[in-house]
Protein backbone atom coordinates (compact mmCIF):
# COMPACT_ATOMS: atom_id res chain seq x y z
CA MET A 1 -6.73 12.25 -19.81
CA SER A 2 -4.55 15.42 -20.74
CA ALA A 3 -0.13 14.10 -19.24
CA ALA A 4 -0.28 17.21 -17.89
CA TYR A 5 -3.19 16.21 -16.14
CA TYR A 6 -2.08 12.63 -15.11
CA ILE A 7 1.40 13.69 -13.50
CA PHE A 8 -0.23 16.68 -11.58
CA CYS A 9 -3.15 13.62 -10.50
CA VAL A 10 -0.17 11.38 -9.89
CA ALA A 11 2.10 14.30 -7.64
CA ILE A 12 -0.83 14.90 -5.41
CA GLY A 13 -1.99 12.11 -4.23
CA GLY A 14 1.79 10.62 -3.92
CA ALA A 15 2.52 13.59 -2.04
CA GLY A 16 -1.00 12.50 0.27
CA GLY A 17 0.63 8.81 0.22
CA ALA A 18 4.32 9.35 1.43
CA LEU A 19 3.13 11.34 3.79
CA PHE A 20 0.63 8.91 5.67
CA ARG A 21 3.93 6.01 4.64
CA GLY A 22 6.69 8.79 7.03
CA PHE A 23 3.74 9.13 9.27
CA PHE A 24 3.37 4.76 9.90
CA THR A 25 6.89 4.20 9.91
CA ALA A 26 7.70 7.08 11.93
CA HIS A 27 5.17 5.52 14.87
CA LEU A 28 5.16 2.11 14.80
CA ASN A 29 9.39 0.97 13.38
CA GLY A 30 11.33 0.39 15.63
CA LYS A 31 8.72 0.04 19.19
CA PHE A 32 9.00 -2.78 17.92
CA GLY A 33 11.36 -5.43 17.21
CA PHE A 34 9.02 -5.63 14.09
CA PRO A 35 9.01 -2.83 11.54
CA LEU A 36 5.27 -2.42 11.76
CA GLY A 37 4.90 0.95 10.08
CA THR A 38 5.67 -0.38 6.98
CA PHE A 39 3.44 -3.96 7.10
CA SER A 40 0.84 -1.11 8.32
CA ALA A 41 1.75 0.60 5.38
CA ASN A 42 1.89 -2.00 3.28
CA MET A 43 -1.78 -3.44 4.50
CA LEU A 44 -3.54 -0.61 4.38
CA ALA A 45 -2.45 0.34 0.68
CA SER A 46 -3.68 -2.90 -0.13
CA PHE A 47 -7.04 -2.59 0.63
CA LEU A 48 -7.03 0.07 -0.15
CA THR A 49 -6.41 -0.42 -3.85
CA GLY A 50 -8.92 -3.59 -3.80
CA ILE A 51 -11.14 -0.47 -2.99
CA ALA A 52 -10.56 2.05 -5.65
CA VAL A 53 -10.19 -0.85 -8.23
CA ALA A 54 -13.41 -2.75 -7.52
CA LEU A 55 -15.16 0.73 -7.50
CA GLN A 56 -13.72 1.98 -10.96
CA ASN A 57 -15.27 -1.13 -12.51
CA ALA A 58 -18.47 -0.84 -11.53
CA GLY A 59 -18.37 3.02 -12.72
CA ALA A 60 -18.57 4.47 -9.11
CA ILE A 61 -16.34 6.66 -9.73
CA PRO A 62 -14.01 7.51 -12.89
CA ASP A 63 -11.20 5.79 -14.51
CA SER A 64 -8.90 9.68 -13.57
CA ALA A 65 -9.31 8.70 -10.07
CA TYR A 66 -6.67 5.99 -11.19
CA PRO A 67 -3.51 8.17 -11.36
CA LEU A 68 -4.24 10.31 -7.94
CA VAL A 69 -5.55 7.32 -6.27
CA GLU A 70 -3.37 3.47 -6.92
CA ALA A 71 -0.79 5.68 -9.45
CA GLY A 72 0.11 8.49 -6.41
CA PHE A 73 -1.75 7.39 -2.83
CA CYS A 74 -2.10 3.90 -2.72
CA ALA A 75 1.76 3.28 -5.26
CA THR A 76 3.58 5.68 -2.75
CA PHE A 77 1.21 4.98 1.12
CA SER A 78 3.38 1.29 0.88
CA THR A 79 7.02 1.05 -0.10
CA PHE A 80 8.45 -2.00 -1.41
CA SER A 81 11.48 -0.11 -1.82
CA ALA A 82 11.46 0.39 2.96
CA LEU A 83 10.39 -3.73 2.75
CA ALA A 84 13.07 -5.42 0.78
CA TRP A 85 15.35 -2.32 3.11
CA GLU A 86 13.84 -4.76 5.99
CA ILE A 87 14.26 -7.79 5.01
CA ALA A 88 17.44 -7.64 3.93
CA GLU A 89 18.25 -6.48 7.59
CA MET A 90 16.87 -9.23 9.67
CA LEU A 91 18.83 -11.25 7.32
CA LYS A 92 22.57 -9.81 7.82
CA GLU A 93 21.80 -9.80 11.43
CA ARG A 94 20.98 -13.19 10.78
CA ARG A 95 17.59 -13.28 11.50
CA PHE A 96 15.89 -16.02 9.22
CA PHE A 97 13.27 -16.71 11.43
CA ALA A 98 11.38 -13.40 11.16
CA ALA A 99 12.60 -11.99 7.51
CA THR A 100 10.69 -15.26 6.48
CA MET A 101 7.18 -14.35 8.47
CA TYR A 102 7.44 -10.42 7.12
CA SER A 103 8.04 -10.98 3.89
CA GLY A 104 5.38 -14.06 4.59
CA GLY A 105 2.76 -11.53 5.81
CA THR A 106 3.30 -9.55 3.41
CA PHE A 107 2.68 -11.50 0.73
CA THR A 108 -0.37 -12.79 2.05
CA VAL A 109 -1.84 -10.99 4.27
CA GLY A 110 -1.51 -8.46 0.89
CA LEU A 111 -3.01 -10.46 -1.56
CA ALA A 112 -6.02 -11.54 0.93
CA LEU A 113 -6.74 -7.62 1.69
CA PHE A 114 -6.25 -6.81 -1.74
CA ALA A 115 -9.72 -9.33 -2.84
CA TYR A 116 -11.66 -8.65 0.88
CA GLY A 117 -11.19 -4.71 0.27
CA GLU A 118 -12.10 -5.54 -3.79
CA PHE A 119 -15.12 -8.16 -2.72
CA LEU A 120 -15.97 -5.64 -0.23
CA ALA A 121 -16.33 -2.51 -2.64
CA GLU A 122 -18.14 -4.74 -4.92
CA ARG A 123 -21.15 -5.40 -3.19
CA LEU A 124 -21.17 -2.27 -1.70
CA ALA A 125 -21.67 -1.15 -5.40
CA GLY A 126 -23.38 -3.03 -7.03
């Protein structure tokens, strides 16, 4: 895979992921007293990454899909910087319980959804 192809795929996938994340945050953040848009985007990105990894490992999609799907779309659909900023804001506002639940929930649920996506894709592919 050439460097130009890799960069092009990351750019295209990244643009799509960023647009989807922007939609989620614009429509869900701030409405529930919890950054539901960022959380939802991160969880769906974890799930989709699990599926993509399993399908690549099974040979159902080519390795050349990695820059488009995982490094591009899923990496920009999820966002660590927004997560860190939102947790920092919660801490500044002394919302310690919310910050703890958000950070712990993101980590725990994100890992579980990645594993579940990988499990589902392995069953479907093989």
